[in-house]
Structures are given as C-alpha cells and as structure tokens.
Amino acid sequence: MKEFHALAIEEVEGSIDRLKAEGLLLEEMVSIAEADVLRCRFLGRRINIRIDLAYGAEIDPVDSFSSKKIDEISNLILAKL
C-alpha cells in the first residue's frame, strides 16, 4: 500500500471526493510557491492537507485533533485511492 506522504495532489483530491459520506469535505485549494494546500473539513472541524513539492503530503490540523484521529484521516484517504 502507498504511504500517505507519497500521494500526489490528484490522488488526495479523488479520495476526498469519495469521502463525503464519511464527513471529509474539500472547501478550497490554494497554491503557494512550495506546496498545494487543500483546505478541508472533517466532521465540521478544519484541517489542511498540504502537498509539499519536496516533502510530500501531510495533514496539518487547524482545529484540535488527536494524533490517532489524524492517522484515521490519512488511512481513510489511503483506503479510497
């Protein structure tokens, strides 16, 4: 199975689209010089998924999430590839 940090933006976007029923919604995509950032909500709480050109994908919570919940979100995204 692919590792989360190795995902391309198209893969993450596709997985998010398939996870609406589970409560993961894409609100906005922003491009900055070194990364693309997907601004999302998971069950109403804000998270950013950052796809850095050098370091790959990572979940960057805006609201408070436990590390267990962040792992759960990344596993959901990987499961919907």
PDB file of N, CA and C in Angstrom:
ATOM      1  N   MET A   1       0.849  -1.182   0.000  1.00  0.00           N
ATOM      2  CA  MET A   1       0.000   0.000   0.000  1.00  0.00           C
ATOM      3  C   MET A   1       0.893   1.242   0.000  1.00  0.00           C
ATOM      4  N   LYS A   2       0.436   2.259  -0.688  1.00  0.00           N
ATOM      5  CA  LYS A   2       1.174   3.514  -0.797  1.00  0.00           C
ATOM      6  C   LYS A   2       1.199   4.246   0.548  1.00  0.00           C
ATOM      7  N   GLU A   3       2.274   4.960   0.813  1.00  0.00           N
ATOM      8  CA  GLU A   3       2.360   5.761   2.030  1.00  0.00           C
ATOM      9  C   GLU A   3       1.746   7.135   1.780  1.00  0.00           C
ATOM     10  N   PHE A   4       1.175   7.715   2.846  1.00  0.00           N
ATOM     11  CA  PHE A   4       0.456   8.979   2.707  1.00  0.00           C
ATOM     12  C   PHE A   4       1.336  10.075   2.122  1.00  0.00           C
ATOM     13  N   HIS A   5       2.561  10.203   2.607  1.00  0.00           N
ATOM     14  CA  HIS A   5       3.428  11.293   2.146  1.00  0.00           C
ATOM     15  C   HIS A   5       3.781  11.171   0.662  1.00  0.00           C
ATOM     16  N   ALA A   6       3.591   9.990   0.076  1.00  0.00           N
ATOM     17  CA  ALA A   6       3.926   9.774  -1.336  1.00  0.00           C
ATOM     18  C   ALA A   6       2.768  10.090  -2.284  1.00  0.00           C
ATOM     19  N   LEU A   7       1.629  10.510  -1.750  1.00  0.00           N
ATOM     20  CA  LEU A   7       0.463  10.773  -2.593  1.00  0.00           C
ATOM     21  C   LEU A   7       0.622  12.053  -3.408  1.00  0.00           C
ATOM     22  N   ALA A   8       0.103  12.014  -4.620  1.00  0.00           N
ATOM     23  CA  ALA A   8       0.035  13.196  -5.481  1.00  0.00           C
ATOM     24  C   ALA A   8      -1.260  13.938  -5.185  1.00  0.00           C
ATOM     25  N   ILE A   9      -1.299  15.200  -5.551  1.00  0.00           N
ATOM     26  CA  ILE A   9      -2.485  16.011  -5.269  1.00  0.00           C
ATOM     27  C   ILE A   9      -3.737  15.428  -5.916  1.00  0.00           C
ATOM     28  N   GLU A  10      -3.612  14.887  -7.117  1.00  0.00           N
ATOM     29  CA  GLU A  10      -4.772  14.310  -7.800  1.00  0.00           C
ATOM     30  C   GLU A  10      -5.328  13.114  -7.022  1.00  0.00           C
ATOM     31  N   GLU A  11      -4.452  12.332  -6.430  1.00  0.00           N
ATOM     32  CA  GLU A  11      -4.890  11.181  -5.636  1.00  0.00           C
ATOM     33  C   GLU A  11      -5.622  11.638  -4.374  1.00  0.00           C
ATOM     34  N   VAL A  12      -5.082  12.641  -3.712  1.00  0.00           N
ATOM     35  CA  VAL A  12      -5.710  13.150  -2.492  1.00  0.00           C
ATOM     36  C   VAL A  12      -7.073  13.750  -2.818  1.00  0.00           C
ATOM     37  N   GLU A  13      -7.147  14.548  -3.872  1.00  0.00           N
ATOM     38  CA  GLU A  13      -8.426  15.150  -4.264  1.00  0.00           C
ATOM     39  C   GLU A  13      -9.468  14.087  -4.581  1.00  0.00           C
ATOM     40  N   GLY A  14      -9.075  13.057  -5.317  1.00  0.00           N
ATOM     41  CA  GLY A  14     -10.002  11.980  -5.657  1.00  0.00           C
ATOM     42  C   GLY A  14     -10.512  11.258  -4.423  1.00  0.00           C
ATOM     43  N   SER A  15      -9.616  10.977  -3.490  1.00  0.00           N
ATOM     44  CA  SER A  15     -10.018  10.309  -2.249  1.00  0.00           C
ATOM     45  C   SER A  15     -10.966  11.182  -1.438  1.00  0.00           C
ATOM     46  N   ILE A  16     -10.660  12.465  -1.331  1.00  0.00           N
ATOM     47  CA  ILE A  16     -11.531  13.377  -0.585  1.00  0.00           C
ATOM     48  C   ILE A  16     -12.920  13.393  -1.207  1.00  0.00           C
ATOM     49  N   ASP A  17     -12.987  13.424  -2.529  1.00  0.00           N
ATOM     50  CA  ASP A  17     -14.276  13.423  -3.219  1.00  0.00           C
ATOM     51  C   ASP A  17     -15.088  12.172  -2.877  1.00  0.00           C
ATOM     52  N   ARG A  18     -14.411  11.046  -2.706  1.00  0.00           N
ATOM     53  CA  ARG A  18     -15.090   9.788  -2.380  1.00  0.00           C
ATOM     54  C   ARG A  18     -15.393   9.648  -0.885  1.00  0.00           C
ATOM     55  N   LEU A  19     -14.939  10.588  -0.072  1.00  0.00           N
ATOM     56  CA  LEU A  19     -15.127  10.504   1.382  1.00  0.00           C
ATOM     57  C   LEU A  19     -16.170  11.481   1.924  1.00  0.00           C
ATOM     58  N   LYS A  20     -16.984  12.044   1.064  1.00  0.00           N
ATOM     59  CA  LYS A  20     -18.022  12.978   1.535  1.00  0.00           C
ATOM     60  C   LYS A  20     -18.948  12.326   2.553  1.00  0.00           C
ATOM     61  N   ALA A  21     -19.328  11.071   2.307  1.00  0.00           N
ATOM     62  CA  ALA A  21     -20.239  10.373   3.217  1.00  0.00           C
ATOM     63  C   ALA A  21     -19.619  10.167   4.602  1.00  0.00           C
ATOM     64  N   GLU A  22     -18.291  10.093   4.664  1.00  0.00           N
ATOM     65  CA  GLU A  22     -17.595   9.926   5.937  1.00  0.00           C
ATOM     66  C   GLU A  22     -17.297  11.256   6.615  1.00  0.00           C
ATOM     67  N   GLY A  23     -17.680  12.371   5.980  1.00  0.00           N
ATOM     68  CA  GLY A  23     -17.536  13.678   6.607  1.00  0.00           C
ATOM     69  C   GLY A  23     -16.305  14.471   6.238  1.00  0.00           C
ATOM     70  N   LEU A  24     -15.584  14.060   5.183  1.00  0.00           N
ATOM     71  CA  LEU A  24     -14.407  14.818   4.740  1.00  0.00           C
ATOM     72  C   LEU A  24     -14.787  15.625   3.504  1.00  0.00           C
ATOM     73  N   LEU A  25     -14.699  16.935   3.608  1.00  0.00           N
ATOM     74  CA  LEU A  25     -15.119  17.826   2.529  1.00  0.00           C
ATOM     75  C   LEU A  25     -13.997  18.780   2.147  1.00  0.00           C
ATOM     76  N   LEU A  26     -13.787  18.940   0.852  1.00  0.00           N
ATOM     77  CA  LEU A  26     -12.818  19.906   0.336  1.00  0.00           C
ATOM     78  C   LEU A  26     -13.516  21.246   0.205  1.00  0.00           C
ATOM     79  N   GLU A  27     -12.983  22.272   0.864  1.00  0.00           N
ATOM     80  CA  GLU A  27     -13.560  23.607   0.791  1.00  0.00           C
ATOM     81  C   GLU A  27     -12.852  24.489  -0.226  1.00  0.00           C
ATOM     82  N   GLU A  28     -11.526  24.342  -0.323  1.00  0.00           N
ATOM     83  CA  GLU A  28     -10.763  25.232  -1.194  1.00  0.00           C
ATOM     84  C   GLU A  28      -9.382  24.642  -1.444  1.00  0.00           C
ATOM     85  N   MET A  29      -8.856  24.905  -2.635  1.00  0.00           N
ATOM     86  CA  MET A  29      -7.481  24.524  -2.941  1.00  0.00           C
ATOM     87  C   MET A  29      -6.679  25.799  -3.162  1.00  0.00           C
ATOM     88  N   VAL A  30      -5.536  25.891  -2.496  1.00  0.00           N
ATOM     89  CA  VAL A  30      -4.680  27.065  -2.585  1.00  0.00           C
ATOM     90  C   VAL A  30      -3.290  26.605  -3.004  1.00  0.00           C
ATOM     91  N   SER A  31      -2.701  27.309  -3.944  1.00  0.00           N
ATOM     92  CA  SER A  31      -1.326  27.010  -4.348  1.00  0.00           C
ATOM     93  C   SER A  31      -0.411  28.110  -3.843  1.00  0.00           C
ATOM     94  N   ILE A  32       0.642  27.697  -3.154  1.00  0.00           N
ATOM     95  CA  ILE A  32       1.680  28.629  -2.743  1.00  0.00           C
ATOM     96  C   ILE A  32       2.972  28.157  -3.393  1.00  0.00           C
ATOM     97  N   ALA A  33       4.012  28.910  -3.281  1.00  0.00           N
ATOM     98  CA  ALA A  33       5.248  28.624  -4.021  1.00  0.00           C
ATOM     99  C   ALA A  33       5.756  27.201  -3.832  1.00  0.00           C
ATOM    100  N   GLU A  34       5.765  26.709  -2.613  1.00  0.00           N
ATOM    101  CA  GLU A  34       6.380  25.406  -2.360  1.00  0.00           C
ATOM    102  C   GLU A  34       5.391  24.257  -2.190  1.00  0.00           C
ATOM    103  N   ALA A  35       4.077  24.541  -2.218  1.00  0.00           N
ATOM    104  CA  ALA A  35       3.113  23.467  -1.951  1.00  0.00           C
ATOM    105  C   ALA A  35       1.719  23.828  -2.445  1.00  0.00           C
ATOM    106  N   ASP A  36       0.902  22.796  -2.575  1.00  0.00           N
ATOM    107  CA  ASP A  36      -0.535  22.960  -2.768  1.00  0.00           C
ATOM    108  C   ASP A  36      -1.185  22.626  -1.434  1.00  0.00           C
ATOM    109  N   VAL A  37      -2.197  23.404  -1.061  1.00  0.00           N
ATOM    110  CA  VAL A  37      -2.873  23.194   0.212  1.00  0.00           C
ATOM    111  C   VAL A  37      -4.354  22.985  -0.062  1.00  0.00           C
ATOM    112  N   LEU A  38      -4.874  21.862   0.433  1.00  0.00           N
ATOM    113  CA  LEU A  38      -6.297  21.574   0.339  1.00  0.00           C
ATOM    114  C   LEU A  38      -6.911  21.922   1.689  1.00  0.00           C
ATOM    115  N   ARG A  39      -7.749  22.944   1.695  1.00  0.00           N
ATOM    116  CA  ARG A  39      -8.426  23.343   2.933  1.00  0.00           C
ATOM    117  C   ARG A  39      -9.700  22.517   3.029  1.00  0.00           C
ATOM    118  N   CYS A  40      -9.804  21.756   4.104  1.00  0.00           N
ATOM    119  CA  CYS A  40     -10.884  20.782   4.238  1.00  0.00           C
ATOM    120  C   CYS A  40     -11.569  20.903   5.596  1.00  0.00           C
ATOM    121  N   ARG A  41     -12.668  20.171   5.700  1.00  0.00           N
ATOM    122  CA  ARG A  41     -13.335  19.968   6.989  1.00  0.00           C
ATOM    123  C   ARG A  41     -13.556  18.475   7.156  1.00  0.00           C
ATOM    124  N   PHE A  42     -13.282  17.999   8.358  1.00  0.00           N
ATOM    125  CA  PHE A  42     -13.575  16.612   8.704  1.00  0.00           C
ATOM    126  C   PHE A  42     -14.536  16.643   9.877  1.00  0.00           C
ATOM    127  N   LEU A  43     -15.768  16.192   9.626  1.00  0.00           N
ATOM    128  CA  LEU A  43     -16.830  16.220  10.633  1.00  0.00           C
ATOM    129  C   LEU A  43     -16.979  17.616  11.235  1.00  0.00           C
ATOM    130  N   GLY A  44     -16.889  18.629  10.371  1.00  0.00           N
ATOM    131  CA  GLY A  44     -17.086  20.015  10.774  1.00  0.00           C
ATOM    132  C   GLY A  44     -15.854  20.730  11.295  1.00  0.00           C
ATOM    133  N   ARG A  45     -14.771  20.000  11.523  1.00  0.00           N
ATOM    134  CA  ARG A  45     -13.546  20.612  12.055  1.00  0.00           C
ATOM    135  C   ARG A  45     -12.534  20.809  10.936  1.00  0.00           C
ATOM    136  N   ARG A  46     -11.796  21.913  11.003  1.00  0.00           N
ATOM    137  CA  ARG A  46     -10.895  22.311   9.915  1.00  0.00           C
ATOM    138  C   ARG A  46      -9.554  21.584   9.943  1.00  0.00           C
ATOM    139  N   ILE A  47      -9.161  21.128   8.755  1.00  0.00           N
ATOM    140  CA  ILE A  47      -7.829  20.559   8.548  1.00  0.00           C
ATOM    141  C   ILE A  47      -7.316  21.027   7.196  1.00  0.00           C
ATOM    142  N   ASN A  48      -6.031  21.123   7.084  1.00  0.00           N
ATOM    143  CA  ASN A  48      -5.391  21.379   5.796  1.00  0.00           C
ATOM    144  C   ASN A  48      -4.589  20.145   5.424  1.00  0.00           C
ATOM    145  N   ILE A  49      -4.636  19.809   4.159  1.00  0.00           N
ATOM    146  CA  ILE A  49      -3.777  18.753   3.643  1.00  0.00           C
ATOM    147  C   ILE A  49      -2.809  19.440   2.702  1.00  0.00           C
ATOM    148  N   ARG A  50      -1.559  19.402   3.075  1.00  0.00           N
ATOM    149  CA  ARG A  50      -0.514  20.121   2.350  1.00  0.00           C
ATOM    150  C   ARG A  50       0.287  19.119   1.537  1.00  0.00           C
ATOM    151  N   ILE A  51       0.421  19.394   0.250  1.00  0.00           N
ATOM    152  CA  ILE A  51       1.233  18.557  -0.617  1.00  0.00           C
ATOM    153  C   ILE A  51       2.447  19.382  -1.009  1.00  0.00           C
ATOM    154  N   ASP A  52       3.535  19.168  -0.284  1.00  0.00           N
ATOM    155  CA  ASP A  52       4.778  19.906  -0.469  1.00  0.00           C
ATOM    156  C   ASP A  52       5.580  19.277  -1.596  1.00  0.00           C
ATOM    157  N   LEU A  53       6.153  20.103  -2.441  1.00  0.00           N
ATOM    158  CA  LEU A  53       6.920  19.597  -3.575  1.00  0.00           C
ATOM    159  C   LEU A  53       8.124  18.775  -3.143  1.00  0.00           C
ATOM    160  N   ALA A  54       8.737  19.114  -2.025  1.00  0.00           N
ATOM    161  CA  ALA A  54       9.930  18.401  -1.568  1.00  0.00           C
ATOM    162  C   ALA A  54       9.623  17.276  -0.580  1.00  0.00           C
ATOM    163  N   TYR A  55       8.613  17.462   0.271  1.00  0.00           N
ATOM    164  CA  TYR A  55       8.386  16.523   1.371  1.00  0.00           C
ATOM    165  C   TYR A  55       7.137  15.664   1.228  1.00  0.00           C
ATOM    166  N   GLY A  56       6.286  15.954   0.263  1.00  0.00           N
ATOM    167  CA  GLY A  56       5.092  15.145   0.056  1.00  0.00           C
ATOM    168  C   GLY A  56       3.899  15.627   0.860  1.00  0.00           C
ATOM    169  N   ALA A  57       2.906  14.750   0.965  1.00  0.00           N
ATOM    170  CA  ALA A  57       1.634  15.097   1.600  1.00  0.00           C
ATOM    171  C   ALA A  57       1.707  14.949   3.113  1.00  0.00           C
ATOM    172  N   GLU A  58       1.010  15.857   3.802  1.00  0.00           N
ATOM    173  CA  GLU A  58       0.869  15.752   5.251  1.00  0.00           C
ATOM    174  C   GLU A  58      -0.412  16.446   5.676  1.00  0.00           C
ATOM    175  N   ILE A  59      -0.980  15.976   6.761  1.00  0.00           N
ATOM    176  CA  ILE A  59      -2.182  16.583   7.321  1.00  0.00           C
ATOM    177  C   ILE A  59      -1.748  17.592   8.370  1.00  0.00           C
ATOM    178  N   ASP A  60      -2.255  18.806   8.216  1.00  0.00           N
ATOM    179  CA  ASP A  60      -1.923  19.909   9.113  1.00  0.00           C
ATOM    180  C   ASP A  60      -3.228  20.400   9.745  1.00  0.00           C
ATOM    181  N   PRO A  61      -3.555  19.951  10.958  1.00  0.00           N
ATOM    182  CA  PRO A  61      -4.827  20.348  11.555  1.00  0.00           C
ATOM    183  C   PRO A  61      -4.862  21.832  11.913  1.00  0.00           C
ATOM    184  N   VAL A  62      -5.993  22.458  11.636  1.00  0.00           N
ATOM    185  CA  VAL A  62      -6.232  23.837  12.054  1.00  0.00           C
ATOM    186  C   VAL A  62      -6.921  23.797  13.416  1.00  0.00           C
ATOM    187  N   ASP A  63      -7.974  22.983  13.511  1.00  0.00           N
ATOM    188  CA  ASP A  63      -8.642  22.745  14.787  1.00  0.00           C
ATOM    189  C   ASP A  63      -7.924  21.600  15.502  1.00  0.00           C
ATOM    190  N   SER A  64      -8.278  21.374  16.733  1.00  0.00           N
ATOM    191  CA  SER A  64      -7.603  20.359  17.546  1.00  0.00           C
ATOM    192  C   SER A  64      -8.007  18.940  17.133  1.00  0.00           C
ATOM    193  N   PHE A  65      -7.005  18.126  16.824  1.00  0.00           N
ATOM    194  CA  PHE A  65      -7.190  16.715  16.502  1.00  0.00           C
ATOM    195  C   PHE A  65      -6.128  15.917  17.251  1.00  0.00           C
ATOM    196  N   SER A  66      -6.504  14.744  17.730  1.00  0.00           N
ATOM    197  CA  SER A  66      -5.511  13.855  18.341  1.00  0.00           C
ATOM    198  C   SER A  66      -4.672  13.230  17.230  1.00  0.00           C
ATOM    199  N   SER A  67      -3.503  12.741  17.581  1.00  0.00           N
ATOM    200  CA  SER A  67      -2.671  12.075  16.575  1.00  0.00           C
ATOM    201  C   SER A  67      -3.367  10.822  16.059  1.00  0.00           C
ATOM    202  N   LYS A  68      -4.156  10.175  16.905  1.00  0.00           N
ATOM    203  CA  LYS A  68      -4.930   8.999  16.478  1.00  0.00           C
ATOM    204  C   LYS A  68      -5.943   9.386  15.404  1.00  0.00           C
ATOM    205  N   LYS A  69      -6.615  10.517  15.580  1.00  0.00           N
ATOM    206  CA  LYS A  69      -7.611  10.972  14.607  1.00  0.00           C
ATOM    207  C   LYS A  69      -6.937  11.366  13.294  1.00  0.00           C
ATOM    208  N   ILE A  70      -5.774  11.980  13.350  1.00  0.00           N
ATOM    209  CA  ILE A  70      -5.037  12.334  12.130  1.00  0.00           C
ATOM    210  C   ILE A  70      -4.633  11.069  11.382  1.00  0.00           C
ATOM    211  N   ASP A  71      -4.189  10.054  12.116  1.00  0.00           N
ATOM    212  CA  ASP A  71      -3.869   8.768  11.482  1.00  0.00           C
ATOM    213  C   ASP A  71      -5.107   8.156  10.837  1.00  0.00           C
ATOM    214  N   GLU A  72      -6.244   8.280  11.504  1.00  0.00           N
ATOM    215  CA  GLU A  72      -7.502   7.757  10.964  1.00  0.00           C
ATOM    216  C   GLU A  72      -7.853   8.455   9.648  1.00  0.00           C
ATOM    217  N   ILE A  73      -7.698   9.771   9.606  1.00  0.00           N
ATOM    218  CA  ILE A  73      -7.996  10.528   8.387  1.00  0.00           C
ATOM    219  C   ILE A  73      -7.062  10.106   7.259  1.00  0.00           C
ATOM    220  N   SER A  74      -5.774   9.988   7.537  1.00  0.00           N
ATOM    221  CA  SER A  74      -4.834   9.586   6.485  1.00  0.00           C
ATOM    222  C   SER A  74      -5.139   8.174   5.998  1.00  0.00           C
ATOM    223  N   ASN A  75      -5.532   7.278   6.904  1.00  0.00           N
ATOM    224  CA  ASN A  75      -5.893   5.922   6.498  1.00  0.00           C
ATOM    225  C   ASN A  75      -7.168   5.896   5.664  1.00  0.00           C
ATOM    226  N   LEU A  76      -8.135   6.766   5.987  1.00  0.00           N
ATOM    227  CA  LEU A  76      -9.347   6.870   5.170  1.00  0.00           C
ATOM    228  C   LEU A  76      -9.004   7.309   3.750  1.00  0.00           C
ATOM    229  N   ILE A  77      -8.140   8.308   3.646  1.00  0.00           N
ATOM    230  CA  ILE A  77      -7.732   8.802   2.324  1.00  0.00           C
ATOM    231  C   ILE A  77      -7.020   7.702   1.544  1.00  0.00           C
ATOM    232  N   LEU A  78      -6.118   6.991   2.188  1.00  0.00           N
ATOM    233  CA  LEU A  78      -5.401   5.899   1.520  1.00  0.00           C
ATOM    234  C   LEU A  78      -6.350   4.781   1.087  1.00  0.00           C
ATOM    235  N   ALA A  79      -7.359   4.500   1.897  1.00  0.00           N
ATOM    236  CA  ALA A  79      -8.304   3.424   1.579  1.00  0.00           C
ATOM    237  C   ALA A  79      -9.170   3.751   0.372  1.00  0.00           C
ATOM    238  N   LYS A  80      -9.339   5.036   0.068  1.00  0.00           N
ATOM    239  CA  LYS A  80     -10.203   5.447  -1.044  1.00  0.00           C
ATOM    240  C   LYS A  80      -9.438   5.767  -2.320  1.00  0.00           C
ATOM    241  N   LEU A  81      -8.170   5.373  -2.404  1.00  0.00           N
ATOM    242  CA  LEU A  81      -7.393   5.599  -3.635  1.00  0.00           C
ATOM    243  C   LEU A  81      -7.964   4.790  -4.777  1.00  0.00           C
TER     244      LEU A  81
END
